[in-house]
């Protein structure tokens, strides 16, 4: 299974800044990228086209969107439709990132609708799951993983091979400098793999599971070497080409 090195730029970078960083990534990563790895960047909406153009001709570099509204078009002020993202060159979308769940209030029903709609529109989906610190302390990690996977995939129907990735991102480790230990990651990813197998059958055993949560150049190699870790979803450490290149090539 290929490893997916994904960068989430959140609400950072102008078009010019994003293009410069994307070109740095190509320059630093492309010549040495192992054959079993792919790079994916989720820029802000305004920079999607610029990043896509910077990645032109790079078959293993892709661009995605951090959000969308699950309708083809309509009176949804401030939202963006998947077909508009496709027009910019997007192939992937993020769904269920903890900041969408816990800061912006997106609930399970909406997330399930987003997953199903994006897949139906021909996108690949990276579905984010993960527990808050109080849930971990209460011993509810498996329960949270089960519930978020079941809810997120409840309306998805028959998911094509290669159309889904899952990112396990413990909420308490995102942007905090904290990172789950190897044993924590192994346990969560093994449980996620088992649950995906239950929901999706054989396809679940081939679905990439990414780890996200304060991934840095210093810990990327160890994380990527763990069983059932098929890539990483990187926030702050992806904001410079130099930093992200060290992760992508770890």
C-alpha atoms as a PDB file:
ATOM      1  CA  UNK A   1       0.000   0.000   0.000  1.00  0.00           C
ATOM      2  CA  UNK A   2       1.381   3.427  -0.934  1.00  0.00           C
ATOM      3  CA  UNK A   3       2.040   5.968   1.801  1.00  0.00           C
ATOM      4  CA  UNK A   4       0.175   9.273   1.503  1.00  0.00           C
ATOM      5  CA  UNK A   5       2.031  12.356   2.762  1.00  0.00           C
ATOM      6  CA  UNK A   6      -0.697  14.969   3.202  1.00  0.00           C
ATOM      7  CA  UNK A   7      -0.305  18.647   4.126  1.00  0.00           C
ATOM      8  CA  UNK A   8      -3.163  20.675   5.568  1.00  0.00           C
ATOM      9  CA  UNK A   9      -2.395  24.381   5.275  1.00  0.00           C
ATOM     10  CA  UNK A  10      -5.585  25.449   7.067  1.00  0.00           C
ATOM     11  CA  UNK A  11      -6.102  29.252   6.947  1.00  0.00           C
ATOM     12  CA  UNK A  12      -2.551  30.127   5.945  1.00  0.00           C
ATOM     13  CA  UNK A  13      -0.893  31.466   2.797  1.00  0.00           C
ATOM     14  CA  UNK A  14      -1.784  33.892   0.037  1.00  0.00           C
ATOM     15  CA  UNK A  15      -1.730  32.606  -3.542  1.00  0.00           C
ATOM     16  CA  UNK A  16       1.847  33.748  -4.044  1.00  0.00           C
ATOM     17  CA  UNK A  17       2.997  32.178  -0.785  1.00  0.00           C
ATOM     18  CA  UNK A  18       1.222  28.936  -1.578  1.00  0.00           C
ATOM     19  CA  UNK A  19       2.691  28.730  -5.066  1.00  0.00           C
ATOM     20  CA  UNK A  20       6.202  29.360  -3.734  1.00  0.00           C
ATOM     21  CA  UNK A  21       5.835  26.652  -1.082  1.00  0.00           C
ATOM     22  CA  UNK A  22       4.404  24.177  -3.587  1.00  0.00           C
ATOM     23  CA  UNK A  23       7.308  24.796  -5.958  1.00  0.00           C
ATOM     24  CA  UNK A  24       9.728  24.296  -3.072  1.00  0.00           C
ATOM     25  CA  UNK A  25       8.046  20.978  -2.330  1.00  0.00           C
ATOM     26  CA  UNK A  26       8.453  19.797  -5.904  1.00  0.00           C
ATOM     27  CA  UNK A  27      12.084  20.901  -5.997  1.00  0.00           C
ATOM     28  CA  UNK A  28      12.983  19.291  -2.678  1.00  0.00           C
ATOM     29  CA  UNK A  29      10.820  16.174  -2.761  1.00  0.00           C
ATOM     30  CA  UNK A  30      10.209  15.034  -6.344  1.00  0.00           C
ATOM     31  CA  UNK A  31      13.778  13.943  -7.225  1.00  0.00           C
ATOM     32  CA  UNK A  32      14.012  11.619  -4.186  1.00  0.00           C
ATOM     33  CA  UNK A  33      10.395  10.596  -3.505  1.00  0.00           C
ATOM     34  CA  UNK A  34      10.251   6.806  -3.060  1.00  0.00           C
ATOM     35  CA  UNK A  35       8.072   4.989  -5.566  1.00  0.00           C
ATOM     36  CA  UNK A  36       5.608   3.955  -2.856  1.00  0.00           C
ATOM     37  CA  UNK A  37       4.798   7.501  -1.730  1.00  0.00           C
ATOM     38  CA  UNK A  38       2.442  10.258  -2.879  1.00  0.00           C
ATOM     39  CA  UNK A  39       2.169  13.900  -1.801  1.00  0.00           C
ATOM     40  CA  UNK A  40      -1.146  15.674  -1.259  1.00  0.00           C
ATOM     41  CA  UNK A  41      -1.708  19.299  -0.251  1.00  0.00           C
ATOM     42  CA  UNK A  42      -4.923  20.834   1.091  1.00  0.00           C
ATOM     43  CA  UNK A  43      -4.457  24.623   0.591  1.00  0.00           C
ATOM     44  CA  UNK A  44      -7.019  27.328   1.350  1.00  0.00           C
ATOM     45  CA  UNK A  45      -9.593  27.731  -1.429  1.00  0.00           C
ATOM     46  CA  UNK A  46      -7.924  30.826  -2.875  1.00  0.00           C
ATOM     47  CA  UNK A  47      -4.651  28.967  -3.459  1.00  0.00           C
ATOM     48  CA  UNK A  48      -5.919  25.662  -4.874  1.00  0.00           C
ATOM     49  CA  UNK A  49      -5.373  26.584  -8.510  1.00  0.00           C
ATOM     50  CA  UNK A  50      -1.916  28.044  -7.835  1.00  0.00           C
ATOM     51  CA  UNK A  51      -0.795  24.876  -6.060  1.00  0.00           C
ATOM     52  CA  UNK A  52      -2.231  22.700  -8.813  1.00  0.00           C
ATOM     53  CA  UNK A  53      -0.299  24.646 -11.434  1.00  0.00           C
ATOM     54  CA  UNK A  54       2.902  24.325  -9.381  1.00  0.00           C
ATOM     55  CA  UNK A  55       2.342  20.562  -9.295  1.00  0.00           C
ATOM     56  CA  UNK A  56       1.683  20.288 -13.054  1.00  0.00           C
ATOM     57  CA  UNK A  57       3.492  17.339 -14.565  1.00  0.00           C
ATOM     58  CA  UNK A  58       4.077  15.690 -11.192  1.00  0.00           C
ATOM     59  CA  UNK A  59       2.032  12.500 -11.243  1.00  0.00           C
ATOM     60  CA  UNK A  60       2.529  11.791  -7.539  1.00  0.00           C
ATOM     61  CA  UNK A  61       1.647  15.289  -6.293  1.00  0.00           C
ATOM     62  CA  UNK A  62      -2.028  16.109  -5.803  1.00  0.00           C
ATOM     63  CA  UNK A  63      -4.213  18.892  -4.467  1.00  0.00           C
ATOM     64  CA  UNK A  64      -7.374  18.774  -2.380  1.00  0.00           C
ATOM     65  CA  UNK A  65      -9.878  21.021  -0.628  1.00  0.00           C
ATOM     66  CA  UNK A  66     -10.346  21.465   3.114  1.00  0.00           C
ATOM     67  CA  UNK A  67     -14.120  21.822   2.924  1.00  0.00           C
ATOM     68  CA  UNK A  68     -17.180  21.998   0.628  1.00  0.00           C
ATOM     69  CA  UNK A  69     -20.969  22.024   0.780  1.00  0.00           C
ATOM     70  CA  UNK A  70     -22.770  18.826  -0.299  1.00  0.00           C
ATOM     71  CA  UNK A  71     -24.853  20.324  -3.105  1.00  0.00           C
ATOM     72  CA  UNK A  72     -24.165  20.851  -6.798  1.00  0.00           C
ATOM     73  CA  UNK A  73     -25.095  24.547  -6.529  1.00  0.00           C
ATOM     74  CA  UNK A  74     -27.606  26.794  -4.811  1.00  0.00           C
ATOM     75  CA  UNK A  75     -28.272  29.609  -2.362  1.00  0.00           C
ATOM     76  CA  UNK A  76     -25.598  28.686   0.204  1.00  0.00           C
ATOM     77  CA  UNK A  77     -23.828  31.942   0.932  1.00  0.00           C
ATOM     78  CA  UNK A  78     -20.159  31.515   1.725  1.00  0.00           C
ATOM     79  CA  UNK A  79     -19.985  27.864   0.670  1.00  0.00           C
ATOM     80  CA  UNK A  80     -18.337  26.150  -2.279  1.00  0.00           C
ATOM     81  CA  UNK A  81     -19.591  23.276  -4.432  1.00  0.00           C
ATOM     82  CA  UNK A  82     -17.561  20.189  -5.341  1.00  0.00           C
ATOM     83  CA  UNK A  83     -17.852  20.911  -9.054  1.00  0.00           C
ATOM     84  CA  UNK A  84     -16.226  24.301  -8.451  1.00  0.00           C
ATOM     85  CA  UNK A  85     -13.344  22.504  -6.723  1.00  0.00           C
ATOM     86  CA  UNK A  86     -13.038  20.048  -9.590  1.00  0.00           C
ATOM     87  CA  UNK A  87     -12.813  23.031 -11.928  1.00  0.00           C
ATOM     88  CA  UNK A  88      -9.735  24.149  -9.964  1.00  0.00           C
ATOM     89  CA  UNK A  89      -8.077  20.746 -10.274  1.00  0.00           C
ATOM     90  CA  UNK A  90      -9.031  19.188  -6.932  1.00  0.00           C
ATOM     91  CA  UNK A  91      -9.194  15.423  -6.676  1.00  0.00           C
ATOM     92  CA  UNK A  92      -9.455  15.097  -2.863  1.00  0.00           C
ATOM     93  CA  UNK A  93     -11.527  16.608  -0.054  1.00  0.00           C
ATOM     94  CA  UNK A  94     -11.117  16.564   3.719  1.00  0.00           C
ATOM     95  CA  UNK A  95     -14.166  15.671   5.805  1.00  0.00           C
ATOM     96  CA  UNK A  96     -14.521  15.645   9.581  1.00  0.00           C
ATOM     97  CA  UNK A  97     -11.335  17.410  10.604  1.00  0.00           C
ATOM     98  CA  UNK A  98     -11.475  18.077  14.339  1.00  0.00           C
ATOM     99  CA  UNK A  99     -11.550  21.827  13.754  1.00  0.00           C
ATOM    100  CA  UNK A 100     -14.658  21.387  11.602  1.00  0.00           C
ATOM    101  CA  UNK A 101     -16.229  19.103  14.216  1.00  0.00           C
ATOM    102  CA  UNK A 102     -15.352  20.888  17.447  1.00  0.00           C
ATOM    103  CA  UNK A 103     -14.698  24.513  16.470  1.00  0.00           C
ATOM    104  CA  UNK A 104     -17.236  24.952  13.667  1.00  0.00           C
ATOM    105  CA  UNK A 105     -19.880  22.541  14.932  1.00  0.00           C
ATOM    106  CA  UNK A 106     -20.204  20.036  12.085  1.00  0.00           C
ATOM    107  CA  UNK A 107     -22.181  17.038  13.340  1.00  0.00           C
ATOM    108  CA  UNK A 108     -22.213  13.391  12.279  1.00  0.00           C
ATOM    109  CA  UNK A 109     -25.234  13.715  10.003  1.00  0.00           C
ATOM    110  CA  UNK A 110     -23.673  16.491   7.946  1.00  0.00           C
ATOM    111  CA  UNK A 111     -20.323  14.698   7.790  1.00  0.00           C
ATOM    112  CA  UNK A 112     -21.996  11.519   6.524  1.00  0.00           C
ATOM    113  CA  UNK A 113     -23.775  13.551   3.866  1.00  0.00           C
ATOM    114  CA  UNK A 114     -20.493  15.175   2.843  1.00  0.00           C
ATOM    115  CA  UNK A 115     -18.683  11.849   2.505  1.00  0.00           C
ATOM    116  CA  UNK A 116     -21.451  10.337   0.402  1.00  0.00           C
ATOM    117  CA  UNK A 117     -21.848  13.405  -1.800  1.00  0.00           C
ATOM    118  CA  UNK A 118     -18.132  13.809  -2.457  1.00  0.00           C
ATOM    119  CA  UNK A 119     -17.744  10.156  -3.414  1.00  0.00           C
ATOM    120  CA  UNK A 120     -20.757  10.383  -5.714  1.00  0.00           C
ATOM    121  CA  UNK A 121     -19.177  13.426  -7.369  1.00  0.00           C
ATOM    122  CA  UNK A 122     -16.027  11.453  -8.105  1.00  0.00           C
ATOM    123  CA  UNK A 123     -13.768  12.822  -5.371  1.00  0.00           C
ATOM    124  CA  UNK A 124     -11.441  10.929  -3.089  1.00  0.00           C
ATOM    125  CA  UNK A 125     -12.251  11.539   0.566  1.00  0.00           C
ATOM    126  CA  UNK A 126      -9.966  11.760   3.582  1.00  0.00           C
ATOM    127  CA  UNK A 127     -12.239  11.201   6.586  1.00  0.00           C
ATOM    128  CA  UNK A 128     -10.777  12.438   9.875  1.00  0.00           C
ATOM    129  CA  UNK A 129     -11.545  10.738  13.179  1.00  0.00           C
ATOM    130  CA  UNK A 130     -10.160  11.007  16.695  1.00  0.00           C
ATOM    131  CA  UNK A 131     -10.878  11.496  20.370  1.00  0.00           C
ATOM    132  CA  UNK A 132     -10.640  14.473  22.694  1.00  0.00           C
ATOM    133  CA  UNK A 133      -8.443  14.278  25.781  1.00  0.00           C
ATOM    134  CA  UNK A 134     -11.341  13.717  28.174  1.00  0.00           C
ATOM    135  CA  UNK A 135     -12.550  10.820  26.013  1.00  0.00           C
ATOM    136  CA  UNK A 136      -9.089   9.244  26.041  1.00  0.00           C
ATOM    137  CA  UNK A 137      -8.824   9.608  29.820  1.00  0.00           C
ATOM    138  CA  UNK A 138     -12.214   7.931  30.150  1.00  0.00           C
ATOM    139  CA  UNK A 139     -11.004   4.931  28.120  1.00  0.00           C
ATOM    140  CA  UNK A 140     -13.340   5.668  25.208  1.00  0.00           C
ATOM    141  CA  UNK A 141     -10.849   5.701  22.303  1.00  0.00           C
ATOM    142  CA  UNK A 142     -12.261   2.592  20.616  1.00  0.00           C
ATOM    143  CA  UNK A 143     -15.834   3.768  21.171  1.00  0.00           C
ATOM    144  CA  UNK A 144     -15.103   7.145  19.561  1.00  0.00           C
ATOM    145  CA  UNK A 145     -13.337   5.564  16.578  1.00  0.00           C
ATOM    146  CA  UNK A 146     -16.216   3.119  16.071  1.00  0.00           C
ATOM    147  CA  UNK A 147     -18.850   5.819  16.303  1.00  0.00           C
ATOM    148  CA  UNK A 148     -17.149   8.313  14.008  1.00  0.00           C
ATOM    149  CA  UNK A 149     -16.380   5.697  11.350  1.00  0.00           C
ATOM    150  CA  UNK A 150     -19.871   4.229  11.457  1.00  0.00           C
ATOM    151  CA  UNK A 151     -21.471   7.665  11.237  1.00  0.00           C
ATOM    152  CA  UNK A 152     -19.139   9.051   8.584  1.00  0.00           C
ATOM    153  CA  UNK A 153     -19.548   6.073   6.274  1.00  0.00           C
ATOM    154  CA  UNK A 154     -23.228   5.400   7.000  1.00  0.00           C
ATOM    155  CA  UNK A 155     -24.513   6.927   3.749  1.00  0.00           C
ATOM    156  CA  UNK A 156     -21.499   6.219   1.539  1.00  0.00           C
ATOM    157  CA  UNK A 157     -22.766   3.071  -0.149  1.00  0.00           C
ATOM    158  CA  UNK A 158     -20.296   0.965  -2.132  1.00  0.00           C
ATOM    159  CA  UNK A 159     -16.987   2.813  -1.852  1.00  0.00           C
ATOM    160  CA  UNK A 160     -14.582   2.235  -4.736  1.00  0.00           C
ATOM    161  CA  UNK A 161     -11.076   1.024  -4.019  1.00  0.00           C
ATOM    162  CA  UNK A 162      -8.745   3.987  -3.636  1.00  0.00           C
ATOM    163  CA  UNK A 163     -11.531   6.511  -3.054  1.00  0.00           C
ATOM    164  CA  UNK A 164     -11.208   6.680   0.729  1.00  0.00           C
ATOM    165  CA  UNK A 165      -8.489   7.388   3.261  1.00  0.00           C
ATOM    166  CA  UNK A 166      -8.973   7.729   7.015  1.00  0.00           C
ATOM    167  CA  UNK A 167      -6.876  10.054   9.164  1.00  0.00           C
ATOM    168  CA  UNK A 168      -6.683   9.254  12.860  1.00  0.00           C
ATOM    169  CA  UNK A 169      -5.964  12.540  14.598  1.00  0.00           C
ATOM    170  CA  UNK A 170      -6.261  12.580  18.394  1.00  0.00           C
ATOM    171  CA  UNK A 171      -7.723  16.019  19.021  1.00  0.00           C
ATOM    172  CA  UNK A 172      -5.474  16.653  22.011  1.00  0.00           C
ATOM    173  CA  UNK A 173      -2.359  16.290  19.814  1.00  0.00           C
ATOM    174  CA  UNK A 174      -3.314  18.722  17.032  1.00  0.00           C
ATOM    175  CA  UNK A 175      -1.247  21.881  17.065  1.00  0.00           C
ATOM    176  CA  UNK A 176      -0.283  21.343  20.704  1.00  0.00           C
ATOM    177  CA  UNK A 177       3.185  19.917  20.250  1.00  0.00           C
ATOM    178  CA  UNK A 178       1.935  16.731  21.908  1.00  0.00           C
ATOM    179  CA  UNK A 179       2.015  13.512  19.940  1.00  0.00           C
ATOM    180  CA  UNK A 180       0.561  10.113  20.717  1.00  0.00           C
ATOM    181  CA  UNK A 181       3.207   7.572  21.650  1.00  0.00           C
ATOM    182  CA  UNK A 182       3.950   4.623  19.359  1.00  0.00           C
ATOM    183  CA  UNK A 183       1.849   2.258  21.474  1.00  0.00           C
ATOM    184  CA  UNK A 184      -1.120   4.667  21.351  1.00  0.00           C
ATOM    185  CA  UNK A 185      -0.831   5.021  17.575  1.00  0.00           C
ATOM    186  CA  UNK A 186      -0.457   1.277  17.033  1.00  0.00           C
ATOM    187  CA  UNK A 187      -3.533   0.571  19.136  1.00  0.00           C
ATOM    188  CA  UNK A 188      -5.721   3.211  17.498  1.00  0.00           C
ATOM    189  CA  UNK A 189      -4.668   2.298  13.962  1.00  0.00           C
ATOM    190  CA  UNK A 190      -5.076  -1.440  14.542  1.00  0.00           C
ATOM    191  CA  UNK A 191      -8.558  -0.848  15.897  1.00  0.00           C
ATOM    192  CA  UNK A 192      -9.368   1.456  12.979  1.00  0.00           C
ATOM    193  CA  UNK A 193      -8.181  -1.221  10.531  1.00  0.00           C
ATOM    194  CA  UNK A 194     -10.373  -3.836  12.175  1.00  0.00           C
ATOM    195  CA  UNK A 195     -13.370  -1.539  12.149  1.00  0.00           C
ATOM    196  CA  UNK A 196     -12.833  -0.607   8.483  1.00  0.00           C
ATOM    197  CA  UNK A 197     -12.716  -4.303   7.663  1.00  0.00           C
ATOM    198  CA  UNK A 198     -16.032  -4.794   9.419  1.00  0.00           C
ATOM    199  CA  UNK A 199     -17.664  -1.895   7.573  1.00  0.00           C
ATOM    200  CA  UNK A 200     -16.069  -2.230   4.122  1.00  0.00           C
ATOM    201  CA  UNK A 201     -14.878  -5.838   3.959  1.00  0.00           C
ATOM    202  CA  UNK A 202     -11.735  -6.430   1.911  1.00  0.00           C
ATOM    203  CA  UNK A 203     -11.701  -2.789   0.790  1.00  0.00           C
ATOM    204  CA  UNK A 204     -11.328  -1.762   4.407  1.00  0.00           C
ATOM    205  CA  UNK A 205      -8.105  -3.728   4.609  1.00  0.00           C
ATOM    206  CA  UNK A 206      -6.778  -1.715   1.646  1.00  0.00           C
ATOM    207  CA  UNK A 207      -7.899   1.719   2.898  1.00  0.00           C
ATOM    208  CA  UNK A 208      -4.964   3.963   3.872  1.00  0.00           C
ATOM    209  CA  UNK A 209      -4.927   5.077   7.503  1.00  0.00           C
ATOM    210  CA  UNK A 210      -2.990   8.283   8.146  1.00  0.00           C
ATOM    211  CA  UNK A 211      -1.795   9.623  11.477  1.00  0.00           C
ATOM    212  CA  UNK A 212      -2.267  13.315  12.224  1.00  0.00           C
ATOM    213  CA  UNK A 213      -1.289  15.158  15.366  1.00  0.00           C
ATOM    214  CA  UNK A 214       1.851  17.283  15.706  1.00  0.00           C
ATOM    215  CA  UNK A 215       3.791  15.297  13.102  1.00  0.00           C
ATOM    216  CA  UNK A 216       7.244  16.846  12.692  1.00  0.00           C
ATOM    217  CA  UNK A 217      10.467  16.017  10.826  1.00  0.00           C
ATOM    218  CA  UNK A 218      11.867  14.678  14.093  1.00  0.00           C
ATOM    219  CA  UNK A 219       9.144  12.047  14.644  1.00  0.00           C
ATOM    220  CA  UNK A 220       7.928  11.324  11.107  1.00  0.00           C
ATOM    221  CA  UNK A 221      10.222   8.374  10.416  1.00  0.00           C
ATOM    222  CA  UNK A 222       9.194   6.550  13.589  1.00  0.00           C
ATOM    223  CA  UNK A 223       5.503   7.177  12.972  1.00  0.00           C
ATOM    224  CA  UNK A 224       5.655   6.084   9.331  1.00  0.00           C
ATOM    225  CA  UNK A 225       7.394   2.856  10.307  1.00  0.00           C
ATOM    226  CA  UNK A 226       4.507   1.681  12.501  1.00  0.00           C
ATOM    227  CA  UNK A 227       2.082  -1.039  11.421  1.00  0.00           C
ATOM    228  CA  UNK A 228      -1.132   0.250   9.819  1.00  0.00           C
ATOM    229  CA  UNK A 229       0.313   3.761   9.422  1.00  0.00           C
ATOM    230  CA  UNK A 230      -0.046   4.399   5.700  1.00  0.00           C
ATOM    231  CA  UNK A 231       0.833   8.081   5.766  1.00  0.00           C
ATOM    232  CA  UNK A 232       0.538  11.277   7.762  1.00  0.00           C
ATOM    233  CA  UNK A 233      -1.674  14.364   7.798  1.00  0.00           C
ATOM    234  CA  UNK A 234       0.565  17.304   8.691  1.00  0.00           C
ATOM    235  CA  UNK A 235      -0.429  20.787   9.822  1.00  0.00           C
ATOM    236  CA  UNK A 236       2.120  23.324  11.023  1.00  0.00           C
ATOM    237  CA  UNK A 237       5.172  21.364   9.889  1.00  0.00           C
ATOM    238  CA  UNK A 238       3.879  21.382   6.318  1.00  0.00           C
ATOM    239  CA  UNK A 239       3.943  25.168   5.966  1.00  0.00           C
ATOM    240  CA  UNK A 240       7.476  25.284   4.572  1.00  0.00           C
ATOM    241  CA  UNK A 241       8.845  23.164   1.781  1.00  0.00           C
ATOM    242  CA  UNK A 242      11.996  22.407   3.775  1.00  0.00           C
ATOM    243  CA  UNK A 243      10.114  21.068   6.786  1.00  0.00           C
ATOM    244  CA  UNK A 244       7.588  19.050   4.808  1.00  0.00           C
ATOM    245  CA  UNK A 245      10.265  17.607   2.535  1.00  0.00           C
ATOM    246  CA  UNK A 246      12.000  16.099   5.555  1.00  0.00           C
ATOM    247  CA  UNK A 247       8.712  14.446   6.525  1.00  0.00           C
ATOM    248  CA  UNK A 248       7.880  13.234   3.014  1.00  0.00           C
ATOM    249  CA  UNK A 249      11.328  11.685   2.611  1.00  0.00           C
ATOM    250  CA  UNK A 250      11.634  10.350   6.182  1.00  0.00           C
END
